[in-house]
Amino acid sequence: MRKVLATAVVLGIGLVSVEAHALDRGDPERGKQLSAACVACHDADGNSSNPQFPRIAGQHADYMVQALKAYKSGARKNAIMAGIVTGLSEQDMEDLAAYFSRQKGDLYSKSL
């Protein structure tokens, strides 16, 4: 029984460290530096005050990375976003996603 319990603990710790690593692919500080191009539409913290632009603060990082990749590949169509993501590397996308995912989403902003 002790071996089973010990194995379960080791596996649990391993899964937590793998999950933590998966969530830690981007550098939020670098993402903040890269976010200058995002500010015009999404505001500095990702809580757009303009209802035409989505709020990206607090969005899941994996979703944001996939969205940015889709804009870059043309799978998602938006001329403004396509122009912005053209020069982004995959690491840039990870860093931006890390920054915006850590921002607090403002559900009650001026744009509602």
N, C-alpha and C. Protein backbone atom coordinates (compact mmCIF):
# COMPACT_ATOMS: atom_id res chain seq x y z
N MET A 1 0.82 -1.19 0.00
CA MET A 1 0.00 0.00 0.00
C MET A 1 0.87 1.26 0.00
N ARG A 2 1.99 1.23 0.75
CA ARG A 2 2.89 2.38 0.78
C ARG A 2 3.49 2.66 -0.58
N LYS A 3 3.82 1.58 -1.32
CA LYS A 3 4.38 1.77 -2.66
C LYS A 3 3.38 2.44 -3.59
N VAL A 4 2.13 2.03 -3.48
CA VAL A 4 1.08 2.62 -4.31
C VAL A 4 0.91 4.10 -3.97
N LEU A 5 0.89 4.40 -2.67
CA LEU A 5 0.75 5.79 -2.23
C LEU A 5 1.95 6.62 -2.66
N ALA A 6 3.14 6.08 -2.50
CA ALA A 6 4.35 6.79 -2.90
C ALA A 6 4.36 7.04 -4.40
N THR A 7 3.94 6.05 -5.18
CA THR A 7 3.88 6.21 -6.63
C THR A 7 2.87 7.29 -7.01
N ALA A 8 1.72 7.30 -6.36
CA ALA A 8 0.69 8.29 -6.64
C ALA A 8 1.19 9.70 -6.33
N VAL A 9 1.92 9.85 -5.22
CA VAL A 9 2.46 11.15 -4.86
C VAL A 9 3.48 11.61 -5.89
N VAL A 10 4.37 10.75 -6.29
CA VAL A 10 5.39 11.09 -7.28
C VAL A 10 4.74 11.48 -8.60
N LEU A 11 3.76 10.70 -9.04
CA LEU A 11 3.07 11.01 -10.29
C LEU A 11 2.32 12.34 -10.17
N GLY A 12 1.70 12.58 -9.04
CA GLY A 12 0.98 13.84 -8.83
C GLY A 12 1.91 15.03 -8.90
N ILE A 13 3.06 14.93 -8.26
CA ILE A 13 4.04 16.02 -8.31
C ILE A 13 4.53 16.22 -9.73
N GLY A 14 4.75 15.13 -10.44
CA GLY A 14 5.19 15.22 -11.83
C GLY A 14 4.16 15.92 -12.70
N LEU A 15 2.89 15.61 -12.51
CA LEU A 15 1.84 16.24 -13.29
C LEU A 15 1.73 17.72 -12.99
N VAL A 16 1.87 18.08 -11.72
CA VAL A 16 1.81 19.49 -11.35
C VAL A 16 2.97 20.24 -11.99
N SER A 17 4.16 19.68 -11.98
CA SER A 17 5.30 20.38 -12.56
C SER A 17 5.17 20.48 -14.08
N VAL A 18 4.62 19.46 -14.73
CA VAL A 18 4.39 19.53 -16.18
C VAL A 18 3.35 20.60 -16.48
N GLU A 19 2.28 20.65 -15.69
CA GLU A 19 1.24 21.66 -15.91
C GLU A 19 1.80 23.06 -15.67
N ALA A 20 2.57 23.24 -14.62
CA ALA A 20 3.15 24.55 -14.34
C ALA A 20 4.08 24.97 -15.47
N HIS A 21 4.85 24.04 -16.01
CA HIS A 21 5.74 24.35 -17.12
C HIS A 21 4.94 24.73 -18.35
N ALA A 22 3.85 24.04 -18.61
CA ALA A 22 3.02 24.33 -19.78
C ALA A 22 2.43 25.73 -19.68
N LEU A 23 2.11 26.17 -18.48
CA LEU A 23 1.54 27.50 -18.31
C LEU A 23 2.61 28.58 -18.29
N ASP A 24 3.86 28.21 -18.18
CA ASP A 24 4.95 29.16 -18.01
C ASP A 24 5.81 29.25 -19.27
N ARG A 25 5.21 29.15 -20.43
CA ARG A 25 5.98 29.21 -21.67
C ARG A 25 6.37 30.61 -22.04
N GLY A 26 5.58 31.59 -21.63
CA GLY A 26 5.85 32.96 -22.01
C GLY A 26 6.38 33.79 -20.86
N ASP A 27 7.02 34.88 -21.22
CA ASP A 27 7.57 35.83 -20.25
C ASP A 27 6.65 37.05 -20.21
N PRO A 28 5.88 37.20 -19.14
CA PRO A 28 4.93 38.31 -19.08
C PRO A 28 5.58 39.69 -19.13
N GLU A 29 6.79 39.83 -18.59
CA GLU A 29 7.47 41.13 -18.64
C GLU A 29 7.84 41.49 -20.08
N ARG A 30 8.33 40.52 -20.80
CA ARG A 30 8.64 40.75 -22.23
C ARG A 30 7.35 41.00 -23.00
N GLY A 31 6.30 40.26 -22.64
CA GLY A 31 5.00 40.46 -23.28
C GLY A 31 4.49 41.88 -23.08
N LYS A 32 4.69 42.41 -21.90
CA LYS A 32 4.28 43.80 -21.63
C LYS A 32 5.02 44.75 -22.55
N GLN A 33 6.31 44.50 -22.75
CA GLN A 33 7.11 45.34 -23.65
C GLN A 33 6.61 45.23 -25.08
N LEU A 34 6.24 44.03 -25.49
CA LEU A 34 5.76 43.81 -26.86
C LEU A 34 4.35 44.33 -27.09
N SER A 35 3.62 44.61 -26.02
CA SER A 35 2.20 44.95 -26.15
C SER A 35 1.93 46.36 -26.67
N ALA A 36 2.95 47.14 -26.96
CA ALA A 36 2.75 48.51 -27.42
C ALA A 36 1.83 48.57 -28.65
N ALA A 37 1.94 47.61 -29.54
CA ALA A 37 1.10 47.60 -30.74
C ALA A 37 -0.35 47.25 -30.42
N CYS A 38 -0.58 46.64 -29.28
CA CYS A 38 -1.92 46.19 -28.89
C CYS A 38 -2.74 47.30 -28.23
N VAL A 39 -2.03 48.27 -27.66
CA VAL A 39 -2.64 49.30 -26.82
C VAL A 39 -3.69 50.12 -27.57
N ALA A 40 -3.46 50.42 -28.82
CA ALA A 40 -4.37 51.28 -29.57
C ALA A 40 -5.79 50.73 -29.60
N CYS A 41 -5.93 49.42 -29.70
CA CYS A 41 -7.27 48.81 -29.78
C CYS A 41 -7.71 48.16 -28.48
N HIS A 42 -6.77 47.51 -27.78
CA HIS A 42 -7.13 46.71 -26.61
C HIS A 42 -6.83 47.39 -25.28
N ASP A 43 -6.28 48.60 -25.31
CA ASP A 43 -5.86 49.36 -24.13
C ASP A 43 -4.67 48.68 -23.45
N ALA A 44 -4.03 49.41 -22.56
CA ALA A 44 -2.76 48.96 -21.98
C ALA A 44 -2.86 47.64 -21.23
N ASP A 45 -3.99 47.42 -20.55
CA ASP A 45 -4.10 46.19 -19.76
C ASP A 45 -4.97 45.14 -20.44
N GLY A 46 -5.42 45.40 -21.67
CA GLY A 46 -6.24 44.43 -22.39
C GLY A 46 -7.73 44.57 -22.16
N ASN A 47 -8.14 45.58 -21.38
CA ASN A 47 -9.56 45.84 -21.13
C ASN A 47 -10.03 46.97 -22.05
N SER A 48 -10.28 46.63 -23.30
CA SER A 48 -10.66 47.62 -24.29
C SER A 48 -11.86 48.43 -23.85
N SER A 49 -11.75 49.75 -23.99
CA SER A 49 -12.88 50.63 -23.66
C SER A 49 -13.76 50.87 -24.88
N ASN A 50 -13.35 50.32 -26.02
CA ASN A 50 -14.12 50.45 -27.26
C ASN A 50 -14.81 49.12 -27.54
N PRO A 51 -16.13 49.12 -27.63
CA PRO A 51 -16.86 47.85 -27.83
C PRO A 51 -16.55 47.17 -29.16
N GLN A 52 -15.88 47.86 -30.09
CA GLN A 52 -15.51 47.24 -31.36
C GLN A 52 -14.36 46.26 -31.21
N PHE A 53 -13.60 46.38 -30.14
CA PHE A 53 -12.41 45.55 -29.94
C PHE A 53 -12.59 44.67 -28.71
N PRO A 54 -12.23 43.41 -28.82
CA PRO A 54 -12.43 42.51 -27.68
C PRO A 54 -11.50 42.81 -26.51
N ARG A 55 -12.00 42.50 -25.34
CA ARG A 55 -11.16 42.56 -24.14
C ARG A 55 -10.34 41.28 -24.10
N ILE A 56 -9.05 41.42 -23.98
CA ILE A 56 -8.18 40.24 -23.96
C ILE A 56 -7.55 40.02 -22.59
N ALA A 57 -7.78 40.91 -21.65
CA ALA A 57 -7.26 40.74 -20.29
C ALA A 57 -7.90 39.52 -19.66
N GLY A 58 -7.06 38.69 -19.06
CA GLY A 58 -7.55 37.51 -18.36
C GLY A 58 -7.92 36.35 -19.26
N GLN A 59 -7.73 36.51 -20.56
CA GLN A 59 -8.03 35.43 -21.49
C GLN A 59 -7.02 34.29 -21.30
N HIS A 60 -7.41 33.08 -21.57
CA HIS A 60 -6.50 31.94 -21.44
C HIS A 60 -5.34 32.10 -22.43
N ALA A 61 -4.13 31.90 -21.91
CA ALA A 61 -2.93 32.09 -22.73
C ALA A 61 -2.92 31.16 -23.95
N ASP A 62 -3.29 29.90 -23.76
CA ASP A 62 -3.29 28.97 -24.89
C ASP A 62 -4.24 29.43 -25.99
N TYR A 63 -5.40 29.95 -25.61
CA TYR A 63 -6.36 30.45 -26.59
C TYR A 63 -5.77 31.63 -27.35
N MET A 64 -5.13 32.55 -26.62
CA MET A 64 -4.57 33.72 -27.28
C MET A 64 -3.46 33.35 -28.25
N VAL A 65 -2.62 32.40 -27.87
CA VAL A 65 -1.55 31.96 -28.77
C VAL A 65 -2.16 31.36 -30.04
N GLN A 66 -3.17 30.52 -29.87
CA GLN A 66 -3.80 29.90 -31.04
C GLN A 66 -4.46 30.96 -31.92
N ALA A 67 -5.10 31.96 -31.32
CA ALA A 67 -5.72 33.03 -32.09
C ALA A 67 -4.68 33.82 -32.86
N LEU A 68 -3.56 34.16 -32.21
CA LEU A 68 -2.51 34.90 -32.89
C LEU A 68 -1.92 34.10 -34.05
N LYS A 69 -1.72 32.81 -33.83
CA LYS A 69 -1.22 31.95 -34.92
C LYS A 69 -2.21 31.90 -36.07
N ALA A 70 -3.49 31.86 -35.75
CA ALA A 70 -4.52 31.80 -36.79
C ALA A 70 -4.57 33.10 -37.59
N TYR A 71 -4.37 34.24 -36.93
CA TYR A 71 -4.29 35.50 -37.67
C TYR A 71 -3.07 35.50 -38.58
N LYS A 72 -1.95 35.00 -38.07
CA LYS A 72 -0.72 34.98 -38.86
C LYS A 72 -0.83 34.06 -40.07
N SER A 73 -1.48 32.92 -39.89
CA SER A 73 -1.60 31.97 -41.01
C SER A 73 -2.71 32.36 -41.99
N GLY A 74 -3.59 33.25 -41.57
CA GLY A 74 -4.72 33.64 -42.41
C GLY A 74 -5.98 32.83 -42.15
N ALA A 75 -5.91 31.88 -41.21
CA ALA A 75 -7.10 31.10 -40.87
C ALA A 75 -8.17 31.98 -40.25
N ARG A 76 -7.75 33.00 -39.51
CA ARG A 76 -8.67 34.02 -38.99
C ARG A 76 -8.42 35.27 -39.81
N LYS A 77 -9.49 35.88 -40.26
CA LYS A 77 -9.38 37.04 -41.14
C LYS A 77 -9.62 38.34 -40.39
N ASN A 78 -8.60 39.19 -40.36
CA ASN A 78 -8.71 40.54 -39.85
C ASN A 78 -7.47 41.27 -40.33
N ALA A 79 -7.67 42.25 -41.19
CA ALA A 79 -6.54 42.94 -41.81
C ALA A 79 -5.63 43.61 -40.79
N ILE A 80 -6.21 44.20 -39.75
CA ILE A 80 -5.39 44.88 -38.74
C ILE A 80 -4.54 43.86 -37.99
N MET A 81 -5.18 42.79 -37.51
CA MET A 81 -4.45 41.78 -36.75
C MET A 81 -3.42 41.08 -37.62
N ALA A 82 -3.76 40.81 -38.87
CA ALA A 82 -2.81 40.15 -39.78
C ALA A 82 -1.54 40.98 -39.92
N GLY A 83 -1.71 42.28 -40.04
CA GLY A 83 -0.54 43.15 -40.16
C GLY A 83 0.30 43.19 -38.90
N ILE A 84 -0.35 43.12 -37.76
CA ILE A 84 0.37 43.18 -36.48
C ILE A 84 1.13 41.89 -36.21
N VAL A 85 0.53 40.74 -36.48
CA VAL A 85 1.16 39.46 -36.12
C VAL A 85 2.21 39.00 -37.13
N THR A 86 2.26 39.63 -38.28
CA THR A 86 3.21 39.20 -39.32
C THR A 86 4.63 39.08 -38.79
N GLY A 87 5.05 40.05 -38.01
CA GLY A 87 6.43 40.04 -37.52
C GLY A 87 6.64 39.34 -36.19
N LEU A 88 5.59 38.73 -35.64
CA LEU A 88 5.73 38.07 -34.35
C LEU A 88 6.25 36.65 -34.49
N SER A 89 7.20 36.30 -33.65
CA SER A 89 7.66 34.92 -33.58
C SER A 89 6.70 34.15 -32.66
N GLU A 90 6.84 32.84 -32.62
CA GLU A 90 6.02 32.05 -31.72
C GLU A 90 6.30 32.43 -30.26
N GLN A 91 7.56 32.72 -29.94
CA GLN A 91 7.90 33.13 -28.58
C GLN A 91 7.27 34.48 -28.25
N ASP A 92 7.25 35.40 -29.23
CA ASP A 92 6.58 36.68 -29.02
C ASP A 92 5.11 36.46 -28.65
N MET A 93 4.47 35.55 -29.37
CA MET A 93 3.06 35.25 -29.11
C MET A 93 2.88 34.67 -27.71
N GLU A 94 3.77 33.79 -27.31
CA GLU A 94 3.72 33.20 -25.97
C GLU A 94 3.90 34.29 -24.91
N ASP A 95 4.81 35.22 -25.16
CA ASP A 95 5.07 36.29 -24.20
C ASP A 95 3.88 37.23 -24.08
N LEU A 96 3.29 37.61 -25.21
CA LEU A 96 2.09 38.46 -25.18
C LEU A 96 0.95 37.77 -24.44
N ALA A 97 0.77 36.50 -24.74
CA ALA A 97 -0.30 35.74 -24.09
C ALA A 97 -0.06 35.64 -22.58
N ALA A 98 1.19 35.45 -22.19
CA ALA A 98 1.52 35.39 -20.76
C ALA A 98 1.19 36.71 -20.07
N TYR A 99 1.49 37.82 -20.74
CA TYR A 99 1.19 39.13 -20.15
C TYR A 99 -0.32 39.36 -20.03
N PHE A 100 -1.04 39.23 -21.13
CA PHE A 100 -2.47 39.54 -21.10
C PHE A 100 -3.27 38.54 -20.27
N SER A 101 -2.85 37.30 -20.22
CA SER A 101 -3.58 36.32 -19.42
C SER A 101 -3.49 36.62 -17.93
N ARG A 102 -2.46 37.34 -17.53
CA ARG A 102 -2.27 37.68 -16.12
C ARG A 102 -2.96 38.99 -15.72
N GLN A 103 -3.52 39.69 -16.69
CA GLN A 103 -4.23 40.93 -16.39
C GLN A 103 -5.64 40.61 -15.92
N LYS A 104 -6.15 41.43 -15.06
CA LYS A 104 -7.50 41.21 -14.55
C LYS A 104 -8.51 41.71 -15.57
N GLY A 105 -9.39 40.81 -16.00
CA GLY A 105 -10.44 41.19 -16.94
C GLY A 105 -11.45 42.09 -16.26
N ASP A 106 -11.83 43.17 -16.91
CA ASP A 106 -12.77 44.14 -16.37
C ASP A 106 -14.14 43.89 -16.99
N LEU A 107 -14.98 43.13 -16.29
CA LEU A 107 -16.30 42.80 -16.81
C LEU A 107 -17.23 44.00 -16.80
N TYR A 108 -16.91 44.99 -16.02
CA TYR A 108 -17.81 46.15 -15.88
C TYR A 108 -17.17 47.42 -16.40
N SER A 109 -16.49 47.33 -17.52
CA SER A 109 -15.81 48.51 -18.04
C SER A 109 -16.79 49.46 -18.71
N LYS A 110 -16.27 50.58 -19.14
CA LYS A 110 -17.07 51.62 -19.77
C LYS A 110 -17.78 51.15 -21.03
N SER A 111 -17.25 50.13 -21.67
CA SER A 111 -17.80 49.73 -22.97
C SER A 111 -19.06 48.89 -22.86
N LEU A 112 -19.47 48.52 -21.66
CA LEU A 112 -20.70 47.74 -21.53
C LEU A 112 -21.93 48.60 -21.57
